[in-house]
Each structure stands twice: as structure tokens, then as C-alpha cells.
Amino acid sequence: MHNVDQLNIMLQQYGLGGTELGLDSIIAQVQSTLGSALVIFILWDYVAFYFFWHYKNWARKYILSIGVFYLIGCFFDFNFLQFF
């Protein structure tokens, strides 16, 4: 926790800290950006799957399944990515 407090102090020095835009809101912003990028990736992958080709790459299926769990976790306000 000491490091988090230090980081918050550093962010405040650059005008990013405080109650409105502290470390928590920056983390939330990064998570929402990653989440929306993941949604776009999954939607494009499903479009490509149905219209262009069939999956033969197991790694891609694994990434897709993580994305689906992440979306379910977003819906229920729970982060499934901690299991992967």
C-alpha cells in the first residue's frame, strides 16, 4: 500500500491526483479502454468466423474464450480475467 500512496502523491504533483482523477480512476479508465478494444476484437472475430473462414488455431480460440468470459464479467461487474 505504501507504493500506491507514493504513486498517488506523484500523480498529484502532475495535477492528476486528487479525488476526481486519482490512481483508481486511471485504472478504471485503462480497464474500460481495454474492455472496449476487446469487444471490438471479439465482434470482428465472430464476423470473420461466420463470413470468411473457420478457426483452426487453438490459441485464437483460447483468446476468444477469455474475451467472452471478460464480457460476461463486465455484465455482472466481476473480472474473470483474474483466472487466466
Protein backbone atom coordinates (compact mmCIF):
# COMPACT_ATOMS: atom_id res chain seq x y z
CA MET A 1 0.00 0.00 0.00
CA HIS A 2 2.95 2.29 0.58
CA ASN A 3 3.82 2.25 -3.12
CA VAL A 4 0.24 3.10 -4.08
CA ASP A 5 0.31 6.12 -1.76
CA GLN A 6 3.64 7.21 -3.25
CA LEU A 7 2.22 6.89 -6.77
CA ASN A 8 -0.85 8.92 -5.79
CA ILE A 9 1.41 11.66 -4.43
CA MET A 10 3.41 11.67 -7.67
CA LEU A 11 0.20 11.89 -9.70
CA GLN A 12 -0.99 14.80 -7.56
CA GLN A 13 2.24 16.66 -8.30
CA TYR A 14 1.45 16.44 -12.02
CA GLY A 15 -2.14 17.52 -11.44
CA LEU A 16 -3.58 14.04 -11.99
CA GLY A 17 -4.20 13.08 -8.39
CA GLY A 18 -6.95 14.06 -6.01
CA THR A 19 -10.44 12.78 -5.57
CA GLU A 20 -11.67 13.13 -9.14
CA LEU A 21 -8.74 11.65 -11.05
CA GLY A 22 -6.64 9.51 -8.76
CA LEU A 23 -4.99 6.17 -9.30
CA ASP A 24 -8.30 4.29 -9.06
CA SER A 25 -9.94 6.29 -11.84
CA ILE A 26 -6.86 5.91 -14.08
CA ILE A 27 -7.01 2.12 -13.58
CA ALA A 28 -10.75 2.18 -14.32
CA GLN A 29 -10.10 4.24 -17.46
CA VAL A 30 -7.49 1.74 -18.67
CA GLN A 31 -9.83 -1.17 -17.92
CA SER A 32 -12.71 0.40 -19.84
CA THR A 33 -10.42 1.17 -22.81
CA LEU A 34 -9.14 -2.41 -22.83
CA GLY A 35 -12.68 -3.68 -22.45
CA SER A 36 -13.98 -1.74 -25.44
CA ALA A 37 -10.99 -2.80 -27.54
CA LEU A 38 -11.72 -6.41 -26.55
CA VAL A 39 -15.39 -6.03 -27.51
CA ILE A 40 -14.39 -4.73 -30.96
CA PHE A 41 -11.89 -7.58 -31.35
CA ILE A 42 -14.48 -10.22 -30.40
CA LEU A 43 -17.17 -8.76 -32.66
CA TRP A 44 -14.78 -8.66 -35.61
CA ASP A 45 -13.63 -12.20 -34.86
CA TYR A 46 -17.19 -13.50 -34.89
CA VAL A 47 -17.95 -11.65 -38.14
CA ALA A 48 -14.82 -13.12 -39.67
CA PHE A 49 -15.73 -16.58 -38.37
CA TYR A 50 -19.21 -16.56 -39.85
CA PHE A 51 -18.42 -14.93 -43.17
CA PHE A 52 -14.81 -15.70 -44.12
CA TRP A 53 -13.15 -18.73 -42.58
CA HIS A 54 -13.31 -21.39 -39.87
CA TYR A 55 -10.99 -21.42 -36.91
CA LYS A 56 -8.13 -23.88 -36.92
CA ASN A 57 -5.89 -22.03 -34.48
CA TRP A 58 -6.38 -23.15 -30.86
CA ALA A 59 -4.59 -20.10 -29.44
CA ARG A 60 -7.08 -17.83 -31.17
CA LYS A 61 -9.98 -19.86 -29.73
CA TYR A 62 -8.44 -19.54 -26.28
CA ILE A 63 -8.10 -15.75 -26.63
CA LEU A 64 -11.71 -15.58 -27.82
CA SER A 65 -12.96 -17.61 -24.86
CA ILE A 66 -11.10 -15.28 -22.46
CA GLY A 67 -12.79 -12.37 -24.18
CA VAL A 68 -16.22 -13.95 -23.81
CA PHE A 69 -15.63 -14.55 -20.10
CA TYR A 70 -14.43 -10.94 -19.80
CA LEU A 71 -17.66 -9.68 -21.39
CA ILE A 72 -19.74 -11.85 -19.04
CA GLY A 73 -17.67 -10.47 -16.16
CA CYS A 74 -18.30 -6.88 -17.31
CA PHE A 75 -22.02 -7.61 -17.40
CA PHE A 76 -22.01 -8.98 -13.85
CA ASP A 77 -19.42 -6.43 -12.64
CA PHE A 78 -16.81 -9.10 -11.96
CA ASN A 79 -13.40 -9.52 -13.54
CA PHE A 80 -12.98 -13.06 -14.89
CA LEU A 81 -9.54 -12.22 -16.28
CA GLN A 82 -8.01 -12.90 -12.86
CA PHE A 83 -8.46 -16.63 -13.55
CA PHE A 84 -6.38 -16.60 -16.75
